Amino acid sequence: MGDHRADVANVVSETFRLDPAEIALDAPLEELGIDSKGRIKLLSALEIYHDVKIDLDQLGRFTDIGSVAEVLAEALGDKAGVADERR
């Protein structure tokens, strides 16, 4: 699984209309103004941008850009695993 922090930062920037230059790759979501409702919005945006399904139970892990990137990597890995099983 790759490092998806830049992907997450891009989605955060577009979703919450933040300047990409102001988003540190280790930034806590709260410092970016993303509260619990914002985390749900971010989860939804990631699902749309990356065509994956992320379980709502993962929201507790949405604490910073890095942890969100880990959840995204797992979701993308699961998606790849499903595609491999269909072959």
C-alpha atoms as a PDB file:
ATOM      1  CA  MET A   1       0.000   0.000   0.000  1.00  0.00           C
ATOM      2  CA  GLY A   2       1.294   3.415  -0.911  1.00  0.00           C
ATOM      3  CA  ASP A   3       1.391   6.684   0.938  1.00  0.00           C
ATOM      4  CA  HIS A   4      -1.876   8.498   0.249  1.00  0.00           C
ATOM      5  CA  ARG A   5      -1.309  11.578   2.430  1.00  0.00           C
ATOM      6  CA  ALA A   6      -1.008  13.863  -0.612  1.00  0.00           C
ATOM      7  CA  ASP A   7      -4.241  12.393  -2.030  1.00  0.00           C
ATOM      8  CA  VAL A   8      -6.035  13.003   1.267  1.00  0.00           C
ATOM      9  CA  ALA A   9      -4.640  16.538   1.504  1.00  0.00           C
ATOM     10  CA  ASN A  10      -5.928  17.221  -2.014  1.00  0.00           C
ATOM     11  CA  VAL A  11      -9.425  15.963  -1.145  1.00  0.00           C
ATOM     12  CA  VAL A  12      -9.381  17.998   2.087  1.00  0.00           C
ATOM     13  CA  SER A  13      -8.339  21.083   0.131  1.00  0.00           C
ATOM     14  CA  GLU A  14     -11.083  20.685  -2.455  1.00  0.00           C
ATOM     15  CA  THR A  15     -13.814  19.588  -0.046  1.00  0.00           C
ATOM     16  CA  PHE A  16     -13.248  22.256   2.586  1.00  0.00           C
ATOM     17  CA  ARG A  17     -11.911  24.961   0.252  1.00  0.00           C
ATOM     18  CA  LEU A  18      -8.595  25.241   2.019  1.00  0.00           C
ATOM     19  CA  ASP A  19      -5.348  26.473   0.505  1.00  0.00           C
ATOM     20  CA  PRO A  20      -3.319  23.326  -0.308  1.00  0.00           C
ATOM     21  CA  ALA A  21      -0.142  25.114   0.790  1.00  0.00           C
ATOM     22  CA  GLU A  22      -1.577  25.425   4.305  1.00  0.00           C
ATOM     23  CA  ILE A  23      -2.274  21.707   4.712  1.00  0.00           C
ATOM     24  CA  ALA A  24       0.639  19.952   6.387  1.00  0.00           C
ATOM     25  CA  LEU A  25       0.743  16.237   5.653  1.00  0.00           C
ATOM     26  CA  ASP A  26       0.805  15.553   9.405  1.00  0.00           C
ATOM     27  CA  ALA A  27      -1.899  18.097  10.266  1.00  0.00           C
ATOM     28  CA  PRO A  28      -4.562  17.086  12.795  1.00  0.00           C
ATOM     29  CA  LEU A  29      -8.016  17.489  11.269  1.00  0.00           C
ATOM     30  CA  GLU A  30      -9.167  19.725  14.145  1.00  0.00           C
ATOM     31  CA  GLU A  31      -6.410  22.232  13.304  1.00  0.00           C
ATOM     32  CA  LEU A  32      -7.857  22.376   9.789  1.00  0.00           C
ATOM     33  CA  GLY A  33     -11.303  23.166  11.201  1.00  0.00           C
ATOM     34  CA  ILE A  34     -12.708  19.707  10.473  1.00  0.00           C
ATOM     35  CA  ASP A  35     -15.069  18.588  13.234  1.00  0.00           C
ATOM     36  CA  SER A  36     -17.099  15.367  13.558  1.00  0.00           C
ATOM     37  CA  LYS A  37     -19.553  16.417  10.839  1.00  0.00           C
ATOM     38  CA  GLY A  38     -16.607  17.402   8.677  1.00  0.00           C
ATOM     39  CA  ARG A  39     -15.073  13.946   9.102  1.00  0.00           C
ATOM     40  CA  ILE A  40     -18.279  12.414   7.726  1.00  0.00           C
ATOM     41  CA  LYS A  41     -18.101  14.822   4.794  1.00  0.00           C
ATOM     42  CA  LEU A  42     -14.444  13.876   4.246  1.00  0.00           C
ATOM     43  CA  LEU A  43     -15.258  10.161   4.337  1.00  0.00           C
ATOM     44  CA  SER A  44     -17.954  10.689   1.723  1.00  0.00           C
ATOM     45  CA  ALA A  45     -15.645  12.788  -0.460  1.00  0.00           C
ATOM     46  CA  LEU A  46     -12.923  10.117  -0.313  1.00  0.00           C
ATOM     47  CA  GLU A  47     -15.439   7.467  -1.354  1.00  0.00           C
ATOM     48  CA  ILE A  48     -16.481   9.579  -4.339  1.00  0.00           C
ATOM     49  CA  TYR A  49     -12.990  10.663  -5.420  1.00  0.00           C
ATOM     50  CA  HIS A  50     -11.508   7.184  -5.148  1.00  0.00           C
ATOM     51  CA  ASP A  51     -14.577   5.033  -5.907  1.00  0.00           C
ATOM     52  CA  VAL A  52     -14.213   3.028  -2.695  1.00  0.00           C
ATOM     53  CA  LYS A  53     -16.404   2.137   0.269  1.00  0.00           C
ATOM     54  CA  ILE A  54     -15.171   3.168   3.708  1.00  0.00           C
ATOM     55  CA  ASP A  55     -17.070   1.839   6.709  1.00  0.00           C
ATOM     56  CA  LEU A  56     -18.435   4.508   9.070  1.00  0.00           C
ATOM     57  CA  ASP A  57     -16.747   2.612  11.912  1.00  0.00           C
ATOM     58  CA  GLN A  58     -13.455   3.993  10.550  1.00  0.00           C
ATOM     59  CA  LEU A  59     -14.386   7.590  11.468  1.00  0.00           C
ATOM     60  CA  GLY A  60     -12.754   7.178  14.861  1.00  0.00           C
ATOM     61  CA  ARG A  61      -9.444   6.794  13.065  1.00  0.00           C
ATOM     62  CA  PHE A  62      -9.881  10.118  11.228  1.00  0.00           C
ATOM     63  CA  THR A  63      -7.639  12.158  13.518  1.00  0.00           C
ATOM     64  CA  ASP A  64      -5.039  13.555  11.125  1.00  0.00           C
ATOM     65  CA  ILE A  65      -4.070  13.454   7.453  1.00  0.00           C
ATOM     66  CA  GLY A  66      -1.817  10.429   7.995  1.00  0.00           C
ATOM     67  CA  SER A  67      -4.438   8.312   9.740  1.00  0.00           C
ATOM     68  CA  VAL A  68      -7.014   9.155   7.064  1.00  0.00           C
ATOM     69  CA  ALA A  69      -4.430   8.142   4.444  1.00  0.00           C
ATOM     70  CA  GLU A  70      -4.033   4.766   6.187  1.00  0.00           C
ATOM     71  CA  VAL A  71      -7.787   4.180   6.094  1.00  0.00           C
ATOM     72  CA  LEU A  72      -7.854   5.145   2.409  1.00  0.00           C
ATOM     73  CA  ALA A  73      -4.942   2.811   1.625  1.00  0.00           C
ATOM     74  CA  GLU A  74      -6.774  -0.045   3.332  1.00  0.00           C
ATOM     75  CA  ALA A  75      -9.962   0.706   1.389  1.00  0.00           C
ATOM     76  CA  LEU A  76      -8.039   0.856  -1.886  1.00  0.00           C
ATOM     77  CA  GLY A  77      -6.271  -2.388  -0.991  1.00  0.00           C
ATOM     78  CA  ASP A  78      -9.582  -4.075  -0.258  1.00  0.00           C
ATOM     79  CA  LYS A  79     -10.924  -2.837  -3.588  1.00  0.00           C
ATOM     80  CA  ALA A  80      -7.887  -4.246  -5.403  1.00  0.00           C
ATOM     81  CA  GLY A  81      -8.317  -7.547  -3.565  1.00  0.00           C
ATOM     82  CA  VAL A  82     -11.942  -7.798  -4.688  1.00  0.00           C
ATOM     83  CA  ALA A  83     -10.935  -7.042  -8.285  1.00  0.00           C
ATOM     84  CA  ASP A  84      -8.243  -9.749  -8.129  1.00  0.00           C
ATOM     85  CA  GLU A  85     -10.761 -12.280  -6.807  1.00  0.00           C
ATOM     86  CA  ARG A  86     -13.041 -11.664  -9.792  1.00  0.00           C
ATOM     87  CA  ARG A  87     -10.338 -12.687 -12.275  1.00  0.00           C
END
